[in-house]
Each structure stands twice: as structure tokens, then as C-alpha cells.
Amino acid sequence: MPKSRPPYPVEFRQQIIELARVGKTPAQLSREFGPSAQTITNWIAQDGRDRGKPLAGKDGLTTAERQELTRLRRQLRQVQQERDILAKATAWFAARNDKTSTSSTNS
């Protein structure tokens, strides 16, 4: 499902997180800058994980771990596609060899 809007720039998110650190609530920041309070809360939680200080009950992957997981999933898909192609090629060559060996024994 496509996102409804492009992601906010990293610099913008960092500025919002800094404002939250100095005492503004996600609701205040939402009214002032536009992103939903939940989005801002998510950014704050992710920043905490990235800094090694997750919020209580907000366990999850760091940004680097998320990027690695995405890369590994992409690589796995590619390897699975290559395996499937090789399996089909093997079956095709095996069937072709069976036809060739059957015709040569009948001659």
C-alpha cells in the first residue's frame, strides 16, 4: 500500500526530537508543525533505541538493524529466485536428457 505522503526529511525529524527533549509534548509539536502526535512519539522512541536508551515498553530494532534486515530480506529474495531458476533449468535439462537417451536406445 503506497504511503499517503513522502517521508519527512531527516533534519526535520531531528529538530522535532530536539524540541521534545527540551520539554514540548508530541501534541504541542503536532499542532505547531503538522505530523501527528503518534508519529512524533514514534520518532522519539526510535531515536531512543538508536541511542541505546529505549523508552519503557518501546523495545524494537535500531535504524541500523532495520536497514540490515531490509537488505538481508532483499538478498534472500534474490537467492530464492536464483534457486528457483536453477531448479527449473535442472528439470528442463533432465527432461531433455531423458528424451535423448530414450531416442538413442530405440535406434
PDB file of N, CA and C in Angstrom:
ATOM      1  N   MET A   1       0.847  -1.168   0.000  1.00  0.00           N
ATOM      2  CA  MET A   1       0.000   0.000   0.000  1.00  0.00           C
ATOM      3  C   MET A   1       0.894   1.233   0.000  1.00  0.00           C
ATOM      4  N   PRO A   2       0.713   2.139  -0.942  1.00  0.00           N
ATOM      5  CA  PRO A   2       1.581   3.310  -1.016  1.00  0.00           C
ATOM      6  C   PRO A   2       1.346   4.257   0.154  1.00  0.00           C
ATOM      7  N   LYS A   3       2.412   4.943   0.523  1.00  0.00           N
ATOM      8  CA  LYS A   3       2.297   5.930   1.595  1.00  0.00           C
ATOM      9  C   LYS A   3       1.497   7.118   1.072  1.00  0.00           C
ATOM     10  N   SER A   4       0.790   7.771   1.983  1.00  0.00           N
ATOM     11  CA  SER A   4      -0.057   8.883   1.563  1.00  0.00           C
ATOM     12  C   SER A   4       0.750  10.152   1.296  1.00  0.00           C
ATOM     13  N   ARG A   5       1.936  10.228   1.844  1.00  0.00           N
ATOM     14  CA  ARG A   5       2.787  11.395   1.610  1.00  0.00           C
ATOM     15  C   ARG A   5       4.232  10.940   1.732  1.00  0.00           C
ATOM     16  N   PRO A   6       5.141  11.681   1.133  1.00  0.00           N
ATOM     17  CA  PRO A   6       6.549  11.297   1.252  1.00  0.00           C
ATOM     18  C   PRO A   6       7.020  11.428   2.698  1.00  0.00           C
ATOM     19  N   PRO A   7       8.036  10.675   3.080  1.00  0.00           N
ATOM     20  CA  PRO A   7       8.521  10.769   4.462  1.00  0.00           C
ATOM     21  C   PRO A   7       9.067  12.167   4.764  1.00  0.00           C
ATOM     22  N   TYR A   8       8.987  12.513   6.034  1.00  0.00           N
ATOM     23  CA  TYR A   8       9.544  13.799   6.455  1.00  0.00           C
ATOM     24  C   TYR A   8      11.061  13.738   6.358  1.00  0.00           C
ATOM     25  N   PRO A   9      11.709  14.851   6.023  1.00  0.00           N
ATOM     26  CA  PRO A   9      13.175  14.866   5.944  1.00  0.00           C
ATOM     27  C   PRO A   9      13.808  14.547   7.305  1.00  0.00           C
ATOM     28  N   VAL A  10      14.953  13.904   7.273  1.00  0.00           N
ATOM     29  CA  VAL A  10      15.656  13.513   8.494  1.00  0.00           C
ATOM     30  C   VAL A  10      15.938  14.730   9.374  1.00  0.00           C
ATOM     31  N   GLU A  11      16.341  15.837   8.760  1.00  0.00           N
ATOM     32  CA  GLU A  11      16.664  17.039   9.533  1.00  0.00           C
ATOM     33  C   GLU A  11      15.436  17.552  10.292  1.00  0.00           C
ATOM     34  N   PHE A  12      14.291  17.507   9.642  1.00  0.00           N
ATOM     35  CA  PHE A  12      13.044  17.947  10.267  1.00  0.00           C
ATOM     36  C   PHE A  12      12.725  17.058  11.472  1.00  0.00           C
ATOM     37  N   ARG A  13      12.830  15.743  11.279  1.00  0.00           N
ATOM     38  CA  ARG A  13      12.551  14.814  12.381  1.00  0.00           C
ATOM     39  C   ARG A  13      13.489  15.064  13.560  1.00  0.00           C
ATOM     40  N   GLN A  14      14.782  15.299  13.255  1.00  0.00           N
ATOM     41  CA  GLN A  14      15.752  15.553  14.323  1.00  0.00           C
ATOM     42  C   GLN A  14      15.409  16.828  15.091  1.00  0.00           C
ATOM     43  N   GLN A  15      14.966  17.857  14.386  1.00  0.00           N
ATOM     44  CA  GLN A  15      14.591  19.107  15.053  1.00  0.00           C
ATOM     45  C   GLN A  15      13.387  18.893  15.974  1.00  0.00           C
ATOM     46  N   ILE A  16      12.424  18.119  15.515  1.00  0.00           N
ATOM     47  CA  ILE A  16      11.238  17.820  16.340  1.00  0.00           C
ATOM     48  C   ILE A  16      11.652  17.041  17.585  1.00  0.00           C
ATOM     49  N   ILE A  17      12.545  16.067  17.422  1.00  0.00           N
ATOM     50  CA  ILE A  17      13.017  15.269  18.560  1.00  0.00           C
ATOM     51  C   ILE A  17      13.737  16.163  19.563  1.00  0.00           C
ATOM     52  N   GLU A  18      14.555  17.084  19.071  1.00  0.00           N
ATOM     53  CA  GLU A  18      15.258  18.021  19.966  1.00  0.00           C
ATOM     54  C   GLU A  18      14.260  18.871  20.750  1.00  0.00           C
ATOM     55  N   LEU A  19      13.218  19.332  20.086  1.00  0.00           N
ATOM     56  CA  LEU A  19      12.197  20.134  20.780  1.00  0.00           C
ATOM     57  C   LEU A  19      11.483  19.299  21.835  1.00  0.00           C
ATOM     58  N   ALA A  20      11.271  18.029  21.557  1.00  0.00           N
ATOM     59  CA  ALA A  20      10.639  17.145  22.549  1.00  0.00           C
ATOM     60  C   ALA A  20      11.559  16.951  23.757  1.00  0.00           C
ATOM     61  N   ARG A  21      12.855  16.880  23.500  1.00  0.00           N
ATOM     62  CA  ARG A  21      13.812  16.708  24.600  1.00  0.00           C
ATOM     63  C   ARG A  21      13.829  17.911  25.547  1.00  0.00           C
ATOM     64  N   VAL A  22      13.555  19.091  25.010  1.00  0.00           N
ATOM     65  CA  VAL A  22      13.579  20.279  25.873  1.00  0.00           C
ATOM     66  C   VAL A  22      12.226  20.551  26.521  1.00  0.00           C
ATOM     67  N   GLY A  23      11.275  19.636  26.340  1.00  0.00           N
ATOM     68  CA  GLY A  23      10.050  19.736  27.119  1.00  0.00           C
ATOM     69  C   GLY A  23       8.746  19.872  26.375  1.00  0.00           C
ATOM     70  N   LYS A  24       8.765  20.051  25.078  1.00  0.00           N
ATOM     71  CA  LYS A  24       7.496  20.151  24.349  1.00  0.00           C
ATOM     72  C   LYS A  24       6.887  18.755  24.203  1.00  0.00           C
ATOM     73  N   THR A  25       5.584  18.680  24.302  1.00  0.00           N
ATOM     74  CA  THR A  25       4.908  17.382  24.164  1.00  0.00           C
ATOM     75  C   THR A  25       4.661  17.082  22.683  1.00  0.00           C
ATOM     76  N   PRO A  26       4.506  15.800  22.372  1.00  0.00           N
ATOM     77  CA  PRO A  26       4.169  15.454  20.987  1.00  0.00           C
ATOM     78  C   PRO A  26       2.899  16.149  20.494  1.00  0.00           C
ATOM     79  N   ALA A  27       1.925  16.337  21.369  1.00  0.00           N
ATOM     80  CA  ALA A  27       0.679  17.008  20.968  1.00  0.00           C
ATOM     81  C   ALA A  27       0.948  18.472  20.599  1.00  0.00           C
ATOM     82  N   GLN A  28       1.770  19.153  21.390  1.00  0.00           N
ATOM     83  CA  GLN A  28       2.111  20.545  21.083  1.00  0.00           C
ATOM     84  C   GLN A  28       2.859  20.627  19.750  1.00  0.00           C
ATOM     85  N   LEU A  29       3.821  19.737  19.575  1.00  0.00           N
ATOM     86  CA  LEU A  29       4.617  19.728  18.345  1.00  0.00           C
ATOM     87  C   LEU A  29       3.753  19.398  17.132  1.00  0.00           C
ATOM     88  N   SER A  30       2.788  18.532  17.331  1.00  0.00           N
ATOM     89  CA  SER A  30       1.879  18.164  16.245  1.00  0.00           C
ATOM     90  C   SER A  30       1.069  19.373  15.789  1.00  0.00           C
ATOM     91  N   ARG A  31       0.516  20.093  16.745  1.00  0.00           N
ATOM     92  CA  ARG A  31      -0.277  21.282  16.401  1.00  0.00           C
ATOM     93  C   ARG A  31       0.586  22.335  15.698  1.00  0.00           C
ATOM     94  N   GLU A  32       1.825  22.454  16.141  1.00  0.00           N
ATOM     95  CA  GLU A  32       2.684  23.509  15.620  1.00  0.00           C
ATOM     96  C   GLU A  32       3.301  23.163  14.257  1.00  0.00           C
ATOM     97  N   PHE A  33       3.661  21.889  14.046  1.00  0.00           N
ATOM     98  CA  PHE A  33       4.438  21.529  12.854  1.00  0.00           C
ATOM     99  C   PHE A  33       3.746  20.578  11.879  1.00  0.00           C
ATOM    100  N   GLY A  34       2.660  19.915  12.295  1.00  0.00           N
ATOM    101  CA  GLY A  34       1.920  19.104  11.335  1.00  0.00           C
ATOM    102  C   GLY A  34       1.912  17.605  11.498  1.00  0.00           C
ATOM    103  N   PRO A  35       3.044  16.949  11.764  1.00  0.00           N
ATOM    104  CA  PRO A  35       2.973  15.486  11.900  1.00  0.00           C
ATOM    105  C   PRO A  35       2.089  15.106  13.082  1.00  0.00           C
ATOM    106  N   SER A  36       1.474  13.951  13.024  1.00  0.00           N
ATOM    107  CA  SER A  36       0.598  13.547  14.125  1.00  0.00           C
ATOM    108  C   SER A  36       1.415  13.320  15.388  1.00  0.00           C
ATOM    109  N   ALA A  37       0.743  13.418  16.533  1.00  0.00           N
ATOM    110  CA  ALA A  37       1.416  13.202  17.811  1.00  0.00           C
ATOM    111  C   ALA A  37       1.975  11.788  17.882  1.00  0.00           C
ATOM    112  N   GLN A  38       1.254  10.817  17.307  1.00  0.00           N
ATOM    113  CA  GLN A  38       1.733   9.432  17.312  1.00  0.00           C
ATOM    114  C   GLN A  38       3.007   9.293  16.481  1.00  0.00           C
ATOM    115  N   THR A  39       3.048   9.975  15.345  1.00  0.00           N
ATOM    116  CA  THR A  39       4.252   9.950  14.507  1.00  0.00           C
ATOM    117  C   THR A  39       5.438  10.510  15.284  1.00  0.00           C
ATOM    118  N   ILE A  40       5.233  11.613  15.955  1.00  0.00           N
ATOM    119  CA  ILE A  40       6.308  12.230  16.738  1.00  0.00           C
ATOM    120  C   ILE A  40       6.740  11.307  17.870  1.00  0.00           C
ATOM    121  N   THR A  41       5.782  10.678  18.526  1.00  0.00           N
ATOM    122  CA  THR A  41       6.101   9.717  19.590  1.00  0.00           C
ATOM    123  C   THR A  41       6.938   8.573  19.030  1.00  0.00           C
ATOM    124  N   ASN A  42       6.583   8.103  17.840  1.00  0.00           N
ATOM    125  CA  ASN A  42       7.352   7.022  17.204  1.00  0.00           C
ATOM    126  C   ASN A  42       8.782   7.472  16.908  1.00  0.00           C
ATOM    127  N   TRP A  43       8.941   8.702  16.426  1.00  0.00           N
ATOM    128  CA  TRP A  43      10.281   9.228  16.138  1.00  0.00           C
ATOM    129  C   TRP A  43      11.122   9.289  17.413  1.00  0.00           C
ATOM    130  N   ILE A  44      10.512   9.731  18.492  1.00  0.00           N
ATOM    131  CA  ILE A  44      11.220   9.845  19.776  1.00  0.00           C
ATOM    132  C   ILE A  44      11.643   8.459  20.259  1.00  0.00           C
ATOM    133  N   ALA A  45      10.742   7.491  20.158  1.00  0.00           N
ATOM    134  CA  ALA A  45      11.054   6.120  20.585  1.00  0.00           C
ATOM    135  C   ALA A  45      12.175   5.532  19.735  1.00  0.00           C
ATOM    136  N   GLN A  46      12.114   5.736  18.409  1.00  0.00           N
ATOM    137  CA  GLN A  46      13.160   5.212  17.521  1.00  0.00           C
ATOM    138  C   GLN A  46      14.501   5.862  17.828  1.00  0.00           C
ATOM    139  N   ASP A  47      14.492   7.158  18.099  1.00  0.00           N
ATOM    140  CA  ASP A  47      15.731   7.857  18.450  1.00  0.00           C
ATOM    141  C   ASP A  47      16.317   7.277  19.743  1.00  0.00           C
ATOM    142  N   GLY A  48      15.458   6.974  20.693  1.00  0.00           N
ATOM    143  CA  GLY A  48      15.928   6.359  21.943  1.00  0.00           C
ATOM    144  C   GLY A  48      16.572   5.000  21.693  1.00  0.00           C
ATOM    145  N   ARG A  49      15.946   4.192  20.847  1.00  0.00           N
ATOM    146  CA  ARG A  49      16.527   2.882  20.514  1.00  0.00           C
ATOM    147  C   ARG A  49      17.887   3.062  19.831  1.00  0.00           C
ATOM    148  N   ASP A  50      17.956   4.023  18.908  1.00  0.00           N
ATOM    149  CA  ASP A  50      19.211   4.260  18.186  1.00  0.00           C
ATOM    150  C   ASP A  50      20.324   4.727  19.126  1.00  0.00           C
ATOM    151  N   ARG A  51      19.944   5.427  20.177  1.00  0.00           N
ATOM    152  CA  ARG A  51      20.933   5.920  21.141  1.00  0.00           C
ATOM    153  C   ARG A  51      21.214   4.902  22.246  1.00  0.00           C
ATOM    154  N   GLY A  52      20.539   3.757  22.202  1.00  0.00           N
ATOM    155  CA  GLY A  52      20.749   2.746  23.238  1.00  0.00           C
ATOM    156  C   GLY A  52      19.975   3.014  24.512  1.00  0.00           C
ATOM    157  N   LYS A  53      18.962   3.880  24.425  1.00  0.00           N
ATOM    158  CA  LYS A  53      18.147   4.221  25.590  1.00  0.00           C
ATOM    159  C   LYS A  53      16.665   4.099  25.230  1.00  0.00           C
ATOM    160  N   PRO A  54      16.189   2.864  25.010  1.00  0.00           N
ATOM    161  CA  PRO A  54      14.783   2.723  24.619  1.00  0.00           C
ATOM    162  C   PRO A  54      13.845   3.139  25.747  1.00  0.00           C
ATOM    163  N   LEU A  55      12.706   3.661  25.359  1.00  0.00           N
ATOM    164  CA  LEU A  55      11.683   4.027  26.332  1.00  0.00           C
ATOM    165  C   LEU A  55      11.064   2.758  26.894  1.00  0.00           C
ATOM    166  N   ALA A  56      10.532   2.838  28.082  1.00  0.00           N
ATOM    167  CA  ALA A  56       9.901   1.674  28.708  1.00  0.00           C
ATOM    168  C   ALA A  56       8.789   1.143  27.806  1.00  0.00           C
ATOM    169  N   GLY A  57       8.825  -0.143  27.533  1.00  0.00           N
ATOM    170  CA  GLY A  57       7.807  -0.774  26.703  1.00  0.00           C
ATOM    171  C   GLY A  57       7.937  -0.472  25.221  1.00  0.00           C
ATOM    172  N   LYS A  58       9.036   0.137  24.804  1.00  0.00           N
ATOM    173  CA  LYS A  58       9.212   0.505  23.398  1.00  0.00           C
ATOM    174  C   LYS A  58      10.415  -0.235  22.802  1.00  0.00           C
ATOM    175  N   ASP A  59      10.517  -1.535  23.087  1.00  0.00           N
ATOM    176  CA  ASP A  59      11.609  -2.322  22.519  1.00  0.00           C
ATOM    177  C   ASP A  59      11.431  -2.429  21.015  1.00  0.00           C
ATOM    178  N   GLY A  60      12.524  -2.592  20.325  1.00  0.00           N
ATOM    179  CA  GLY A  60      12.460  -2.744  18.880  1.00  0.00           C
ATOM    180  C   GLY A  60      13.847  -2.650  18.288  1.00  0.00           C
ATOM    181  N   LEU A  61      13.896  -2.631  16.981  1.00  0.00           N
ATOM    182  CA  LEU A  61      15.162  -2.582  16.259  1.00  0.00           C
ATOM    183  C   LEU A  61      15.658  -1.154  16.116  1.00  0.00           C
ATOM    184  N   THR A  62      16.973  -1.004  16.128  1.00  0.00           N
ATOM    185  CA  THR A  62      17.551   0.299  15.838  1.00  0.00           C
ATOM    186  C   THR A  62      17.413   0.535  14.335  1.00  0.00           C
ATOM    187  N   THR A  63      17.662   1.750  13.912  1.00  0.00           N
ATOM    188  CA  THR A  63      17.582   2.077  12.488  1.00  0.00           C
ATOM    189  C   THR A  63      18.581   1.247  11.692  1.00  0.00           C
ATOM    190  N   ALA A  64      19.796   1.086  12.222  1.00  0.00           N
ATOM    191  CA  ALA A  64      20.814   0.284  11.530  1.00  0.00           C
ATOM    192  C   ALA A  64      20.368  -1.178  11.411  1.00  0.00           C
ATOM    193  N   GLU A  65      19.771  -1.718  12.475  1.00  0.00           N
ATOM    194  CA  GLU A  65      19.284  -3.099  12.432  1.00  0.00           C
ATOM    195  C   GLU A  65      18.146  -3.236  11.424  1.00  0.00           C
ATOM    196  N   ARG A  66      17.270  -2.251  11.380  1.00  0.00           N
ATOM    197  CA  ARG A  66      16.170  -2.257  10.409  1.00  0.00           C
ATOM    198  C   ARG A  66      16.694  -2.250   8.973  1.00  0.00           C
ATOM    199  N   GLN A  67      17.702  -1.407   8.728  1.00  0.00           N
ATOM    200  CA  GLN A  67      18.288  -1.328   7.387  1.00  0.00           C
ATOM    201  C   GLN A  67      18.955  -2.648   7.013  1.00  0.00           C
ATOM    202  N   GLU A  68      19.643  -3.267   7.968  1.00  0.00           N
ATOM    203  CA  GLU A  68      20.284  -4.555   7.694  1.00  0.00           C
ATOM    204  C   GLU A  68      19.238  -5.631   7.429  1.00  0.00           C
ATOM    205  N   LEU A  69      18.171  -5.630   8.205  1.00  0.00           N
ATOM    206  CA  LEU A  69      17.100  -6.605   7.999  1.00  0.00           C
ATOM    207  C   LEU A  69      16.486  -6.443   6.612  1.00  0.00           C
ATOM    208  N   THR A  70      16.258  -5.212   6.194  1.00  0.00           N
ATOM    209  CA  THR A  70      15.723  -4.947   4.851  1.00  0.00           C
ATOM    210  C   THR A  70      16.677  -5.461   3.783  1.00  0.00           C
ATOM    211  N   ARG A  71      17.980  -5.181   3.961  1.00  0.00           N
ATOM    212  CA  ARG A  71      18.987  -5.632   2.995  1.00  0.00           C
ATOM    213  C   ARG A  71      19.034  -7.162   2.933  1.00  0.00           C
ATOM    214  N   LEU A  72      18.987  -7.804   4.095  1.00  0.00           N
ATOM    215  CA  LEU A  72      19.042  -9.268   4.132  1.00  0.00           C
ATOM    216  C   LEU A  72      17.792  -9.901   3.526  1.00  0.00           C
ATOM    217  N   ARG A  73      16.640  -9.306   3.756  1.00  0.00           N
ATOM    218  CA  ARG A  73      15.409  -9.822   3.146  1.00  0.00           C
ATOM    219  C   ARG A  73      15.462  -9.712   1.629  1.00  0.00           C
ATOM    220  N   ARG A  74      15.983  -8.582   1.129  1.00  0.00           N
ATOM    221  CA  ARG A  74      16.133  -8.385  -0.318  1.00  0.00           C
ATOM    222  C   ARG A  74      17.096  -9.433  -0.883  1.00  0.00           C
ATOM    223  N   GLN A  75      18.199  -9.645  -0.189  1.00  0.00           N
ATOM    224  CA  GLN A  75      19.194 -10.623  -0.639  1.00  0.00           C
ATOM    225  C   GLN A  75      18.596 -12.033  -0.626  1.00  0.00           C
ATOM    226  N   LEU A  76      17.823 -12.361   0.400  1.00  0.00           N
ATOM    227  CA  LEU A  76      17.180 -13.673   0.471  1.00  0.00           C
ATOM    228  C   LEU A  76      16.230 -13.880  -0.695  1.00  0.00           C
ATOM    229  N   ARG A  77      15.426 -12.861  -1.024  1.00  0.00           N
ATOM    230  CA  ARG A  77      14.513 -12.962  -2.176  1.00  0.00           C
ATOM    231  C   ARG A  77      15.282 -13.249  -3.459  1.00  0.00           C
ATOM    232  N   GLN A  78      16.411 -12.570  -3.627  1.00  0.00           N
ATOM    233  CA  GLN A  78      17.213 -12.763  -4.833  1.00  0.00           C
ATOM    234  C   GLN A  78      17.771 -14.189  -4.884  1.00  0.00           C
ATOM    235  N   VAL A  79      18.286 -14.675  -3.772  1.00  0.00           N
ATOM    236  CA  VAL A  79      18.838 -16.032  -3.731  1.00  0.00           C
ATOM    237  C   VAL A  79      17.739 -17.063  -3.991  1.00  0.00           C
ATOM    238  N   GLN A  80      16.546 -16.836  -3.446  1.00  0.00           N
ATOM    239  CA  GLN A  80      15.431 -17.759  -3.687  1.00  0.00           C
ATOM    240  C   GLN A  80      15.033 -17.757  -5.160  1.00  0.00           C
ATOM    241  N   GLN A  81      15.021 -16.602  -5.790  1.00  0.00           N
ATOM    242  CA  GLN A  81      14.703 -16.541  -7.223  1.00  0.00           C
ATOM    243  C   GLN A  81      15.752 -17.276  -8.041  1.00  0.00           C
ATOM    244  N   GLU A  82      17.023 -17.079  -7.696  1.00  0.00           N
ATOM    245  CA  GLU A  82      18.094 -17.776  -8.406  1.00  0.00           C
ATOM    246  C   GLU A  82      17.963 -19.279  -8.233  1.00  0.00           C
ATOM    247  N   ARG A  83      17.642 -19.723  -7.016  1.00  0.00           N
ATOM    248  CA  ARG A  83      17.454 -21.152  -6.751  1.00  0.00           C
ATOM    249  C   ARG A  83      16.315 -21.702  -7.590  1.00  0.00           C
ATOM    250  N   ASP A  84      15.204 -20.963  -7.662  1.00  0.00           N
ATOM    251  CA  ASP A  84      14.049 -21.420  -8.435  1.00  0.00           C
ATOM    252  C   ASP A  84      14.394 -21.530  -9.923  1.00  0.00           C
ATOM    253  N   ILE A  85      15.145 -20.567 -10.431  1.00  0.00           N
ATOM    254  CA  ILE A  85      15.557 -20.601 -11.838  1.00  0.00           C
ATOM    255  C   ILE A  85      16.435 -21.826 -12.093  1.00  0.00           C
ATOM    256  N   LEU A  86      17.380 -22.076 -11.194  1.00  0.00           N
ATOM    257  CA  LEU A  86      18.262 -23.237 -11.355  1.00  0.00           C
ATOM    258  C   LEU A  86      17.490 -24.548 -11.260  1.00  0.00           C
ATOM    259  N   ALA A  87      16.513 -24.609 -10.381  1.00  0.00           N
ATOM    260  CA  ALA A  87      15.705 -25.827 -10.258  1.00  0.00           C
ATOM    261  C   ALA A  87      14.925 -26.079 -11.547  1.00  0.00           C
ATOM    262  N   LYS A  88      14.360 -25.031 -12.129  1.00  0.00           N
ATOM    263  CA  LYS A  88      13.612 -25.186 -13.384  1.00  0.00           C
ATOM    264  C   LYS A  88      14.549 -25.591 -14.521  1.00  0.00           C
ATOM    265  N   ALA A  89      15.731 -24.994 -14.566  1.00  0.00           N
ATOM    266  CA  ALA A  89      16.700 -25.342 -15.606  1.00  0.00           C
ATOM    267  C   ALA A  89      17.145 -26.790 -15.460  1.00  0.00           C
ATOM    268  N   THR A  90      17.377 -27.225 -14.237  1.00  0.00           N
ATOM    269  CA  THR A  90      17.778 -28.606 -13.985  1.00  0.00           C
ATOM    270  C   THR A  90      16.690 -29.568 -14.446  1.00  0.00           C
ATOM    271  N   ALA A  91      15.448 -29.261 -14.123  1.00  0.00           N
ATOM    272  CA  ALA A  91      14.332 -30.125 -14.537  1.00  0.00           C
ATOM    273  C   ALA A  91      14.217 -30.144 -16.058  1.00  0.00           C
ATOM    274  N   TRP A  92      14.396 -29.001 -16.699  1.00  0.00           N
ATOM    275  CA  TRP A  92      14.303 -28.933 -18.164  1.00  0.00           C
ATOM    276  C   TRP A  92      15.396 -29.776 -18.808  1.00  0.00           C
ATOM    277  N   PHE A  93      16.649 -29.636 -18.316  1.00  0.00           N
ATOM    278  CA  PHE A  93      17.751 -30.414 -18.879  1.00  0.00           C
ATOM    279  C   PHE A  93      17.584 -31.900 -18.602  1.00  0.00           C
ATOM    280  N   ALA A  94      17.061 -32.247 -17.432  1.00  0.00           N
ATOM    281  CA  ALA A  94      16.839 -33.656 -17.113  1.00  0.00           C
ATOM    282  C   ALA A  94      15.792 -34.245 -18.051  1.00  0.00           C
ATOM    283  N   ALA A  95      14.727 -33.518 -18.311  1.00  0.00           N
ATOM    284  CA  ALA A  95      13.681 -33.995 -19.226  1.00  0.00           C
ATOM    285  C   ALA A  95      14.239 -34.119 -20.637  1.00  0.00           C
ATOM    286  N   ARG A  96      15.057 -33.203 -21.029  1.00  0.00           N
ATOM    287  CA  ARG A  96      15.669 -33.231 -22.368  1.00  0.00           C
ATOM    288  C   ARG A  96      16.616 -34.429 -22.500  1.00  0.00           C
ATOM    289  N   ASN A  97      17.394 -34.688 -21.458  1.00  0.00           N
ATOM    290  CA  ASN A  97      18.293 -35.840 -21.473  1.00  0.00           C
ATOM    291  C   ASN A  97      17.520 -37.147 -21.537  1.00  0.00           C
ATOM    292  N   ASP A  98      16.380 -37.212 -20.818  1.00  0.00           N
ATOM    293  CA  ASP A  98      15.554 -38.433 -20.857  1.00  0.00           C
ATOM    294  C   ASP A  98      15.056 -38.686 -22.267  1.00  0.00           C
ATOM    295  N   LYS A  99      14.618 -37.645 -22.975  1.00  0.00           N
ATOM    296  CA  LYS A  99      14.141 -37.793 -24.348  1.00  0.00           C
ATOM    297  C   LYS A  99      15.273 -38.252 -25.256  1.00  0.00           C
ATOM    298  N   THR A 100      16.468 -37.677 -25.075  1.00  0.00           N
ATOM    299  CA  THR A 100      17.623 -38.013 -25.905  1.00  0.00           C
ATOM    300  C   THR A 100      18.053 -39.453 -25.663  1.00  0.00           C
ATOM    301  N   SER A 101      18.094 -39.879 -24.411  1.00  0.00           N
ATOM    302  CA  SER A 101      18.531 -41.242 -24.116  1.00  0.00           C
ATOM    303  C   SER A 101      17.490 -42.260 -24.552  1.00  0.00           C
ATOM    304  N   THR A 102      16.211 -41.924 -24.512  1.00  0.00           N
ATOM    305  CA  THR A 102      15.157 -42.831 -24.965  1.00  0.00           C
ATOM    306  C   THR A 102      15.216 -42.975 -26.476  1.00  0.00           C
ATOM    307  N   SER A 103      15.454 -41.897 -27.219  1.00  0.00           N
ATOM    308  CA  SER A 103      15.512 -41.974 -28.674  1.00  0.00           C
ATOM    309  C   SER A 103      16.753 -42.736 -29.118  1.00  0.00           C
ATOM    310  N   SER A 104      17.860 -42.612 -28.420  1.00  0.00           N
ATOM    311  CA  SER A 104      19.070 -43.284 -28.841  1.00  0.00           C
ATOM    312  C   SER A 104      19.005 -44.787 -28.553  1.00  0.00           C
ATOM    313  N   THR A 105      18.259 -45.212 -27.539  1.00  0.00           N
ATOM    314  CA  THR A 105      18.129 -46.642 -27.254  1.00  0.00           C
ATOM    315  C   THR A 105      17.154 -47.298 -28.205  1.00  0.00           C
ATOM    316  N   ASN A 106      16.218 -46.574 -28.767  1.00  0.00           N
ATOM    317  CA  ASN A 106      15.251 -47.122 -29.719  1.00  0.00           C
ATOM    318  C   ASN A 106      15.851 -47.255 -31.096  1.00  0.00           C
ATOM    319  N   SER A 107      16.932 -46.611 -31.410  1.00  0.00           N
ATOM    320  CA  SER A 107      17.508 -46.644 -32.743  1.00  0.00           C
ATOM    321  C   SER A 107      18.218 -47.912 -33.042  1.00  0.00           C
TER     322      SER A 107
END
